[in-house]
Amino acid sequence: MGKKLIEKARIVENAAVYHGTYILKVKAPQIIAQALPGQFVMVEINSLHDPLLNRPLGIAAVDEAEGILTMVYRVVGRGTSLLTDKRPGEDLNIIGPLGNGFNMNAKRPLLIGGGMGLAPLLYVAQKFSPTPVEVIAGGRTKDEMFWADLFASVCDQVHVSTDDGTLGTPGTCVALLSPVSAGKNFDAILACGPEPMLKAVAQCAQELNIPCQVSLEKHMACGFGACLTCTCESTDGRHLQVCKQGPVFNADEVKL
């Protein structure tokens, strides 16, 4: 984990890609210079501190040449609703990069994500390129799976599942893990999504004897370990802070 920065970031784009889901692009060259896949930033929604707390957003992509940081967020409350009102040319105060990212030493990685958990995996895929990467992307319905187009430019294969069967394989992304991995010699599984999904992925990875890393999604108030609101329990009984010691952990390190 590198040095935390507070950067005034100029908004380049803040546009809806699906009902209630937005892509936010900002100029943040200082943060980009230190960012690693799996890390996140804290975004100040309003300089008048209303809402009081910043919002954690995963780093979804970086453009080093242009100094542009990309995030994807879903409107879930007042803070993210206010964020949708921000327009290109306005500034946002952003703290980052925060947390510990993924171990990127794999030679044949498989990524698996559900819903908004796909956002940080997009940066992972970008960073691995041109190393061959496959991703299993899960969502609720076809219209939600704009992710498939985003991953297509940085992955060799994109395997899609939807809960309602309107695109790809019917069911959850976990159901695809065993058939996709068959005969592929993957040496790492990198996962992000809801905790029940991560638990199932970790169990499947253990059965397949493939090392697995999971990125946990937790509510955060500060983003750097001061407030103790984002704790999780390790397999040896310790309490870990997701924002500081995570959000990425080895799957066998945490209780899911």
Protein backbone atom coordinates (compact mmCIF):
# COMPACT_ATOMS: atom_id res chain seq x y z
CA MET A 1 0.00 0.00 0.00
CA GLY A 2 1.51 3.28 -1.12
CA LYS A 3 1.20 6.80 0.18
CA LYS A 4 -2.34 8.19 0.43
CA LEU A 5 -3.01 11.32 -1.60
CA ILE A 6 -5.78 13.90 -1.64
CA GLU A 7 -6.24 15.03 -5.20
CA LYS A 8 -8.63 17.56 -6.70
CA ALA A 9 -9.87 15.58 -9.68
CA ARG A 10 -11.59 17.20 -12.65
CA ILE A 11 -14.61 15.21 -13.91
CA VAL A 12 -14.27 14.11 -17.54
CA GLU A 13 -17.39 11.94 -17.73
CA ASN A 14 -20.25 10.97 -15.42
CA ALA A 15 -22.79 9.07 -17.48
CA ALA A 16 -25.39 6.36 -16.93
CA VAL A 17 -24.62 3.01 -18.54
CA TYR A 18 -27.63 1.20 -17.07
CA HIS A 19 -30.55 2.18 -14.90
CA GLY A 20 -28.97 3.49 -11.69
CA THR A 21 -25.40 2.60 -12.69
CA TYR A 22 -22.85 5.21 -13.81
CA ILE A 23 -19.33 5.39 -15.20
CA LEU A 24 -17.32 8.20 -13.62
CA LYS A 25 -14.05 9.33 -15.19
CA VAL A 26 -11.81 11.94 -13.57
CA LYS A 27 -8.37 13.45 -14.12
CA ALA A 28 -6.30 12.13 -11.24
CA PRO A 29 -2.71 11.62 -12.46
CA GLN A 30 -1.15 11.59 -9.00
CA ILE A 31 -3.37 8.80 -7.73
CA ILE A 32 -3.01 6.87 -10.99
CA ALA A 33 0.78 6.93 -10.63
CA GLN A 34 0.48 4.82 -7.46
CA ALA A 35 -2.70 2.81 -8.09
CA LEU A 36 -2.71 -0.99 -8.12
CA PRO A 37 -5.49 -3.33 -9.26
CA GLY A 38 -7.87 -4.04 -6.41
CA GLN A 39 -7.34 -0.74 -4.62
CA PHE A 40 -10.04 1.88 -4.13
CA VAL A 41 -10.54 5.60 -3.52
CA MET A 42 -12.75 7.66 -1.21
CA VAL A 43 -14.77 10.29 -3.06
CA GLU A 44 -15.99 13.46 -1.37
CA ILE A 45 -19.49 14.08 -2.74
CA ASN A 46 -19.89 17.63 -1.45
CA SER A 47 -17.20 20.09 -0.32
CA LEU A 48 -19.64 21.35 2.35
CA HIS A 49 -19.51 17.87 3.96
CA ASP A 50 -23.16 17.09 3.30
CA PRO A 51 -23.30 14.14 3.24
CA LEU A 52 -20.60 13.97 5.88
CA LEU A 53 -18.96 10.72 4.84
CA ASN A 54 -17.01 10.08 1.66
CA ARG A 55 -17.97 7.16 -0.58
CA PRO A 56 -15.60 4.25 -1.38
CA LEU A 57 -15.36 3.43 -5.09
CA GLY A 58 -13.18 0.75 -6.63
CA ILE A 59 -10.70 1.65 -9.34
CA ALA A 60 -12.13 0.17 -12.54
CA ALA A 61 -9.53 1.36 -15.06
CA VAL A 62 -6.71 3.84 -15.57
CA ASP A 63 -5.43 5.69 -18.60
CA GLU A 64 -1.87 6.55 -17.67
CA ALA A 65 -1.24 8.61 -20.82
CA GLU A 66 -4.27 10.85 -20.20
CA GLY A 67 -4.18 10.67 -16.39
CA ILE A 68 -7.79 9.46 -16.27
CA LEU A 69 -9.15 7.31 -13.46
CA THR A 70 -12.36 5.35 -14.13
CA MET A 71 -14.87 4.23 -11.50
CA VAL A 72 -18.24 2.52 -11.82
CA TYR A 73 -20.89 3.14 -9.18
CA ARG A 74 -24.49 2.22 -8.46
CA VAL A 75 -26.97 4.61 -6.88
CA VAL A 76 -27.82 3.09 -3.50
CA GLY A 77 -28.49 6.12 -1.29
CA ARG A 78 -28.37 9.88 -0.94
CA GLY A 79 -24.62 10.21 -1.43
CA THR A 80 -24.41 8.32 -4.71
CA SER A 81 -27.64 9.99 -5.86
CA LEU A 82 -25.99 13.39 -5.36
CA LEU A 83 -22.92 12.14 -7.22
CA THR A 84 -25.02 11.65 -10.36
CA ASP A 85 -25.60 15.42 -10.46
CA LYS A 86 -21.90 16.15 -10.91
CA ARG A 87 -21.00 17.31 -14.40
CA PRO A 88 -17.86 17.29 -16.57
CA GLY A 89 -15.64 20.22 -15.63
CA GLU A 90 -16.53 20.09 -11.93
CA ASP A 91 -13.99 18.95 -9.35
CA LEU A 92 -14.14 16.16 -6.80
CA ASN A 93 -11.76 15.68 -3.89
CA ILE A 94 -10.52 12.09 -3.99
CA ILE A 95 -8.39 10.26 -1.42
CA GLY A 96 -6.33 7.32 -2.61
CA PRO A 97 -5.14 4.91 -3.62
CA LEU A 98 -6.30 2.96 -0.56
CA GLY A 99 -6.10 -0.63 0.60
CA ASN A 100 -4.13 -3.59 -0.66
CA GLY A 101 -4.67 -4.89 -4.16
CA PHE A 102 -4.47 -8.27 -5.86
CA ASN A 103 -1.31 -10.33 -6.17
CA MET A 104 -0.63 -10.05 -9.90
CA ASN A 105 1.98 -12.80 -10.23
CA ALA A 106 -0.31 -15.32 -11.91
CA LYS A 107 0.56 -16.63 -15.38
CA ARG A 108 -2.92 -17.98 -16.17
CA PRO A 109 -5.51 -16.08 -14.11
CA LEU A 110 -9.27 -16.56 -14.04
CA LEU A 111 -11.38 -13.63 -12.90
CA ILE A 112 -14.89 -14.05 -11.54
CA GLY A 113 -17.24 -11.30 -10.45
CA GLY A 114 -20.89 -10.65 -9.77
CA GLY A 115 -22.71 -7.35 -10.22
CA MET A 116 -20.71 -4.32 -9.10
CA GLY A 117 -17.93 -6.67 -8.02
CA LEU A 118 -16.88 -6.66 -11.66
CA ALA A 119 -15.65 -3.05 -11.43
CA PRO A 120 -12.22 -3.67 -9.80
CA LEU A 121 -11.72 -6.79 -11.92
CA LEU A 122 -11.82 -4.63 -15.04
CA TYR A 123 -8.63 -2.91 -13.88
CA VAL A 124 -7.14 -6.31 -13.03
CA ALA A 125 -7.79 -7.52 -16.57
CA GLN A 126 -6.35 -4.32 -18.02
CA LYS A 127 -3.17 -4.69 -15.97
CA PHE A 128 -2.67 -8.37 -16.86
CA SER A 129 -2.97 -7.65 -20.59
CA PRO A 130 -1.40 -8.99 -22.83
CA THR A 131 -1.26 -12.03 -20.51
CA PRO A 132 -4.21 -14.26 -21.50
CA VAL A 133 -7.12 -13.59 -19.15
CA GLU A 134 -10.59 -15.09 -18.93
CA VAL A 135 -13.44 -13.64 -16.89
CA ILE A 136 -16.70 -15.07 -15.64
CA ALA A 137 -19.15 -12.17 -15.37
CA GLY A 138 -22.48 -12.58 -13.61
CA GLY A 139 -25.49 -10.30 -13.40
CA ARG A 140 -29.22 -10.33 -12.87
CA THR A 141 -30.38 -9.72 -16.43
CA LYS A 142 -29.15 -9.02 -19.98
CA ASP A 143 -29.59 -5.26 -19.72
CA GLU A 144 -27.30 -5.16 -16.67
CA MET A 145 -24.48 -6.93 -18.49
CA PHE A 146 -22.88 -3.92 -20.17
CA TRP A 147 -19.82 -5.37 -18.45
CA ALA A 148 -19.39 -7.91 -21.24
CA ASP A 149 -18.46 -5.18 -23.74
CA LEU A 150 -16.07 -3.54 -21.26
CA PHE A 151 -14.22 -6.79 -20.60
CA ALA A 152 -14.13 -7.84 -24.26
CA SER A 153 -11.34 -5.36 -25.03
CA VAL A 154 -9.01 -6.65 -22.29
CA CYS A 155 -9.89 -10.36 -21.99
CA ASP A 156 -9.41 -13.35 -24.26
CA GLN A 157 -12.73 -14.86 -23.27
CA VAL A 158 -15.75 -13.45 -21.45
CA HIS A 159 -18.13 -16.02 -19.97
CA VAL A 160 -21.49 -14.52 -19.02
CA SER A 161 -24.24 -15.73 -16.72
CA THR A 162 -27.53 -14.05 -15.82
CA ASP A 163 -29.93 -14.95 -13.05
CA ASP A 164 -32.91 -14.85 -15.41
CA GLY A 165 -31.16 -16.53 -18.35
CA THR A 166 -31.63 -13.61 -20.76
CA LEU A 167 -27.91 -13.63 -21.65
CA GLY A 168 -25.30 -16.35 -21.47
CA THR A 169 -25.69 -19.25 -19.05
CA PRO A 170 -28.75 -19.19 -16.77
CA GLY A 171 -27.94 -18.98 -13.07
CA THR A 172 -25.10 -17.49 -11.06
CA CYS A 173 -21.53 -17.02 -12.19
CA VAL A 174 -20.36 -19.62 -9.66
CA ALA A 175 -22.04 -22.37 -11.69
CA LEU A 176 -19.65 -21.60 -14.55
CA LEU A 177 -16.48 -21.89 -12.49
CA SER A 178 -15.94 -25.66 -12.76
CA PRO A 179 -16.80 -26.04 -16.47
CA VAL A 180 -14.80 -22.96 -17.50
CA SER A 181 -11.73 -24.09 -15.55
CA ALA A 182 -11.79 -27.65 -16.87
CA GLY A 183 -8.50 -28.38 -18.64
CA LYS A 184 -7.38 -24.74 -18.56
CA ASN A 185 -4.58 -24.96 -15.95
CA PHE A 186 -5.52 -21.71 -14.24
CA ASP A 187 -2.99 -20.86 -11.52
CA ALA A 188 -5.09 -18.21 -9.72
CA ILE A 189 -8.72 -17.22 -9.22
CA LEU A 190 -9.38 -13.56 -8.47
CA ALA A 191 -12.92 -12.81 -7.31
CA CYS A 192 -15.06 -9.89 -6.23
CA GLY A 193 -18.76 -9.68 -5.48
CA PRO A 194 -21.36 -10.36 -2.78
CA GLU A 195 -20.10 -12.39 0.16
CA PRO A 196 -22.28 -15.48 -0.52
CA MET A 197 -20.81 -15.59 -4.03
CA LEU A 198 -17.27 -15.28 -2.69
CA LYS A 199 -17.87 -18.09 -0.21
CA ALA A 200 -19.04 -20.39 -3.01
CA VAL A 201 -16.11 -19.38 -5.24
CA ALA A 202 -13.62 -20.04 -2.45
CA GLN A 203 -15.08 -23.49 -1.81
CA CYS A 204 -14.99 -24.34 -5.51
CA ALA A 205 -11.42 -23.06 -5.85
CA GLN A 206 -10.36 -25.24 -2.94
CA GLU A 207 -11.92 -28.29 -4.60
CA LEU A 208 -10.12 -27.42 -7.84
CA ASN A 209 -6.86 -26.82 -5.93
CA ILE A 210 -6.47 -23.34 -7.41
CA PRO A 211 -5.20 -20.47 -5.19
CA CYS A 212 -7.97 -17.91 -4.71
CA GLN A 213 -8.01 -14.23 -3.78
CA VAL A 214 -11.21 -12.43 -2.80
CA SER A 215 -12.00 -8.72 -2.67
CA LEU A 216 -14.50 -7.98 0.08
CA GLU A 217 -17.24 -5.37 -0.22
CA LYS A 218 -17.93 -3.63 3.10
CA HIS A 219 -19.44 -0.32 4.21
CA MET A 220 -16.63 2.14 4.98
CA ALA A 221 -16.68 5.46 6.78
CA CYS A 222 -13.06 6.58 6.52
CA GLY A 223 -11.16 4.22 4.21
CA PHE A 224 -7.90 4.03 6.13
CA GLY A 225 -8.54 2.12 9.35
CA ALA A 226 -9.59 4.78 11.85
CA CYS A 227 -13.32 4.11 12.24
CA LEU A 228 -13.35 0.30 12.57
CA THR A 229 -16.64 -0.04 10.69
CA CYS A 230 -15.40 -2.44 7.99
CA THR A 231 -14.00 -5.30 10.03
CA CYS A 232 -14.08 -8.95 9.06
CA GLU A 233 -12.93 -12.07 10.89
CA SER A 234 -9.86 -14.05 9.91
CA THR A 235 -9.82 -17.84 9.96
CA ASP A 236 -7.57 -17.72 13.04
CA GLY A 237 -9.98 -15.50 14.98
CA ARG A 238 -8.39 -12.09 14.43
CA HIS A 239 -10.39 -9.03 13.45
CA LEU A 240 -9.14 -7.52 10.20
CA GLN A 241 -9.92 -4.13 8.67
CA VAL A 242 -11.11 -4.48 5.10
CA CYS A 243 -10.05 -0.95 4.12
CA LYS A 244 -6.53 -1.29 5.51
CA GLN A 245 -5.55 -4.96 5.44
CA GLY A 246 -7.82 -5.68 2.46
CA PRO A 247 -9.99 -5.27 0.54
CA VAL A 248 -8.15 -8.19 -1.12
CA PHE A 249 -7.38 -11.27 0.98
CA ASN A 250 -6.35 -14.82 0.27
CA ALA A 251 -9.58 -16.78 0.45
CA ASP A 252 -8.25 -19.09 3.15
CA GLU A 253 -7.36 -16.09 5.31
CA VAL A 254 -10.89 -14.83 6.05
CA LYS A 255 -14.19 -16.27 7.18
CA LEU A 256 -16.81 -15.84 4.48
